[in-house]
Protein backbone atom coordinates (compact mmCIF):
# COMPACT_ATOMS: atom_id res chain seq x y z
CA LEU A 1 -49.74 -41.95 -19.52
CA PHE A 2 -47.33 -43.41 -17.02
CA ILE A 3 -49.26 -44.41 -13.92
CA VAL A 4 -48.00 -44.86 -10.35
CA GLY A 5 -49.84 -47.89 -8.98
CA GLU A 6 -50.47 -46.71 -5.43
CA HIS A 7 -51.88 -43.41 -6.74
CA VAL A 8 -54.76 -45.29 -8.38
CA TYR A 9 -55.80 -46.55 -4.95
CA GLY A 10 -55.35 -43.17 -3.21
CA SER A 11 -59.03 -42.23 -3.39
CA THR A 12 -62.25 -43.25 -5.08
CA THR A 13 -61.81 -40.28 -7.42
CA GLN A 14 -58.36 -41.48 -8.51
CA THR A 15 -59.70 -44.99 -9.06
CA ALA A 16 -62.57 -43.62 -11.15
CA ILE A 17 -60.18 -41.51 -13.24
CA PHE A 18 -57.99 -44.55 -13.88
CA ASP A 19 -61.04 -46.63 -14.84
CA SER A 20 -62.06 -44.01 -17.40
CA LEU A 21 -58.53 -43.77 -18.80
CA ILE A 22 -58.13 -47.49 -19.44
CA ASN A 23 -61.31 -47.44 -21.52
CA SER A 24 -60.22 -44.49 -23.68
CA LYS A 25 -58.74 -44.98 -27.14
CA TYR A 26 -56.83 -41.70 -26.75
CA PHE A 27 -54.60 -42.87 -23.92
CA GLU A 28 -52.08 -45.62 -23.64
CA ILE A 29 -51.43 -46.65 -20.04
CA ALA A 30 -47.90 -47.55 -19.04
CA ASN A 31 -46.08 -48.38 -15.81
CA HIS A 32 -44.34 -45.77 -13.62
CA SER A 33 -43.76 -48.17 -10.66
CA PHE A 34 -46.04 -48.93 -7.75
CA THR A 35 -44.46 -46.73 -5.06
CA HIS A 36 -42.72 -44.03 -7.15
CA ALA A 37 -39.32 -45.04 -5.80
CA PHE A 38 -40.51 -45.63 -2.24
CA LYS A 39 -42.17 -42.18 -2.28
CA ASN A 40 -39.23 -40.36 -3.92
CA LYS A 41 -36.39 -42.07 -2.04
CA PHE A 42 -34.50 -42.45 -5.31
CA ALA A 43 -31.02 -43.38 -4.04
CA LYS A 44 -32.41 -46.14 -1.82
CA PHE A 45 -34.81 -47.37 -4.51
CA TYR A 46 -32.15 -47.85 -7.18
CA GLN A 47 -29.64 -49.56 -4.85
CA VAL A 48 -31.37 -52.95 -5.10
CA PRO A 49 -32.22 -53.84 -8.71
CA ASP A 50 -34.42 -56.81 -7.73
CA SER A 51 -36.68 -54.60 -5.59
CA VAL A 52 -37.00 -52.16 -8.50
CA VAL A 53 -38.19 -54.98 -10.75
CA LYS A 54 -40.60 -56.18 -8.04
CA ASP A 55 -42.03 -52.66 -7.65
CA PHE A 56 -42.76 -52.47 -11.39
CA GLU A 57 -44.20 -55.98 -11.37
CA ARG A 58 -46.45 -55.03 -8.46
CA CYS A 59 -47.76 -52.05 -10.43
CA ALA A 60 -48.35 -54.17 -13.55
CA ASN A 61 -50.12 -56.89 -11.58
CA SER A 62 -52.27 -54.61 -9.44
CA LEU A 63 -53.43 -52.50 -12.40
CA HIS A 64 -53.60 -55.42 -14.87
CA LEU A 65 -51.23 -53.66 -17.25
CA THR A 66 -50.29 -55.62 -20.34
CA ALA A 67 -47.83 -53.11 -21.85
CA THR A 68 -44.21 -53.64 -20.89
CA ILE A 69 -43.23 -50.01 -21.41
CA VAL A 70 -42.10 -48.29 -18.21
CA ARG A 71 -40.71 -44.95 -17.12
CA THR A 72 -38.39 -44.93 -14.16
CA PRO A 73 -39.18 -42.52 -11.29
CA GLY A 74 -36.90 -39.51 -11.02
CA ARG A 75 -34.57 -40.65 -13.79
CA ASN A 76 -34.24 -40.14 -17.53
CA ILE A 77 -33.34 -43.70 -18.47
CA TRP A 78 -33.71 -45.40 -21.83
CA ARG A 79 -33.53 -49.12 -22.54
CA THR A 80 -34.95 -50.02 -25.95
CA GLN A 81 -33.66 -52.25 -28.72
CA LEU A 82 -31.78 -49.22 -30.10
CA ILE A 83 -31.09 -46.95 -27.11
CA ASN A 84 -29.15 -47.67 -23.92
CA GLN A 85 -28.72 -44.54 -21.84
CA THR A 86 -28.71 -43.85 -18.10
CA ASP A 87 -28.65 -40.33 -16.68
CA ILE A 88 -27.22 -41.32 -13.27
CA ASN A 89 -24.80 -44.27 -13.08
CA SER A 90 -26.11 -45.47 -9.71
CA SER A 91 -29.36 -46.39 -11.53
CA LYS A 92 -27.67 -48.41 -14.28
CA ALA A 93 -27.91 -51.85 -12.65
CA ALA A 94 -31.61 -51.38 -11.89
CA ALA A 95 -32.29 -50.26 -15.47
CA ASP A 96 -30.37 -53.22 -16.85
CA SER A 97 -32.36 -55.53 -14.59
CA LEU A 98 -35.68 -54.09 -15.76
CA PHE A 99 -34.64 -54.50 -19.40
CA ALA A 100 -33.42 -58.06 -18.75
CA ASN A 101 -36.86 -58.81 -17.29
CA GLY A 102 -38.62 -57.78 -20.49
CA TYR A 103 -39.36 -54.13 -19.84
CA THR A 104 -38.73 -51.37 -22.37
CA ILE A 105 -37.73 -48.20 -20.55
CA ALA A 106 -38.71 -44.87 -22.06
CA GLY A 107 -37.10 -41.63 -21.04
CA TRP A 108 -37.73 -38.24 -22.59
CA ASP A 109 -36.16 -35.78 -24.99
CA LEU A 110 -37.70 -32.65 -23.53
CA GLU A 111 -39.39 -31.84 -20.23
CA TRP A 112 -41.96 -29.14 -19.67
CA HIS A 113 -40.58 -27.63 -16.47
CA TYR A 114 -42.44 -26.26 -13.48
CA ASN A 115 -41.48 -24.49 -10.27
CA ASN A 116 -41.86 -25.48 -6.59
CA ASN A 117 -45.46 -24.22 -6.64
CA LEU A 118 -46.28 -26.60 -9.52
CA LYS A 119 -46.64 -23.71 -11.99
CA LEU A 120 -45.29 -24.01 -15.53
CA THR A 121 -42.09 -22.08 -16.19
CA ASN A 122 -42.42 -22.17 -20.00
CA THR A 123 -45.23 -20.96 -22.21
CA SER A 124 -46.71 -23.09 -24.97
CA GLU A 125 -44.99 -20.83 -27.50
CA GLU A 126 -41.59 -21.35 -25.84
CA MET A 127 -42.15 -25.12 -25.85
CA LEU A 128 -43.02 -25.02 -29.55
CA LEU A 129 -39.79 -23.17 -30.28
CA GLN A 130 -37.80 -25.73 -28.27
CA ILE A 131 -39.41 -28.62 -30.14
CA ASP A 132 -38.77 -27.00 -33.52
CA SER A 133 -35.15 -26.42 -32.49
CA MET A 134 -34.68 -30.00 -31.32
CA PHE A 135 -35.87 -31.36 -34.66
CA THR A 136 -33.92 -28.79 -36.70
CA ASN A 137 -30.71 -29.56 -34.80
CA THR A 138 -31.30 -33.34 -34.57
CA ARG A 139 -31.22 -33.35 -30.76
CA THR A 140 -33.72 -36.14 -30.13
CA LYS A 141 -32.85 -39.71 -29.15
CA THR A 142 -34.36 -41.00 -32.37
CA PRO A 143 -34.50 -38.90 -35.54
CA ASP A 144 -37.96 -37.51 -36.31
CA HIS A 145 -39.36 -38.58 -32.92
CA LEU A 146 -39.66 -36.66 -29.68
CA VAL A 147 -40.86 -37.74 -26.26
CA LEU A 148 -42.12 -34.85 -24.13
CA LEU A 149 -42.38 -35.29 -20.36
CA ALA A 150 -45.22 -33.33 -18.76
CA HIS A 151 -46.24 -34.05 -15.16
CA ASP A 152 -49.99 -34.22 -14.61
CA GLN A 153 -50.15 -32.48 -11.22
CA VAL A 154 -49.03 -29.23 -12.88
CA TYR A 155 -52.15 -29.12 -15.03
CA GLU A 156 -54.54 -29.01 -12.07
CA ASP A 157 -54.04 -25.25 -12.26
CA PRO A 158 -56.60 -23.88 -14.79
CA ALA A 159 -54.11 -21.46 -16.39
CA ASP A 160 -51.50 -24.19 -16.87
CA SER A 161 -54.15 -26.56 -18.15
CA MET A 162 -55.12 -23.93 -20.73
CA GLU A 163 -51.45 -23.53 -21.65
CA LEU A 164 -51.26 -27.27 -22.33
CA ARG A 165 -54.44 -27.08 -24.41
CA GLN A 166 -53.01 -24.18 -26.44
CA PHE A 167 -49.77 -26.09 -26.92
CA ILE A 168 -51.60 -29.08 -28.40
CA ILE A 169 -53.74 -26.86 -30.64
CA LYS A 170 -50.66 -25.01 -31.91
CA LEU A 171 -48.76 -28.25 -32.56
CA LYS A 172 -51.66 -29.70 -34.53
CA ALA A 173 -52.10 -26.46 -36.50
CA LYS A 174 -48.51 -26.63 -37.76
CA ASN A 175 -49.30 -29.82 -39.72
CA GLU A 176 -45.69 -30.92 -39.17
CA TYR A 177 -46.19 -33.20 -36.20
CA ASN A 178 -48.15 -36.33 -35.40
CA PHE A 179 -49.14 -37.56 -31.97
CA GLU A 180 -48.50 -41.27 -31.44
CA HIS A 181 -48.81 -43.77 -28.62
CA LEU A 182 -45.44 -44.60 -27.12
CA SER A 183 -45.80 -48.24 -28.19
CA SER A 184 -45.29 -46.93 -31.77
CA TYR A 185 -41.89 -45.49 -30.86
CA PRO A 186 -39.12 -47.12 -32.89
């Protein structure tokens, strides 16, 4: 789970949820910045690479995160030992700066999309077909590995939450896929 630092301090409920997550063996907590790009001001955020690094450091320090895996807000950027890819060139210097400061940046291969009302636009069955297709056609960043981006606020809706649950059940039933923590990614 990629966590935005200031969200943890948004309410006592959010703090309690975070506290329960860090004690769970099922979740790996990673850094998604402290301010989420100055509250979604992406162009301004990525203009100054040093402030981007400081924002991620602030999140790591405030939440006592030890993992150096991060996901950049609003961008599909990769910086690993094997992958160097930036979706928008204006973010390249910031990504390079994060990587130079010891962070591994994870992007995604596939995103579960939602509309303006935070409702899923794909069914679990459609997502399964997309995943099968990506593996069949070798369209993932790393062969035999896929990172799926799914935003948590979408799953507050009970129907969408059930769709996610069905998706996981169907994936497990196929006996073709394993779920791993991102720190195990090549």
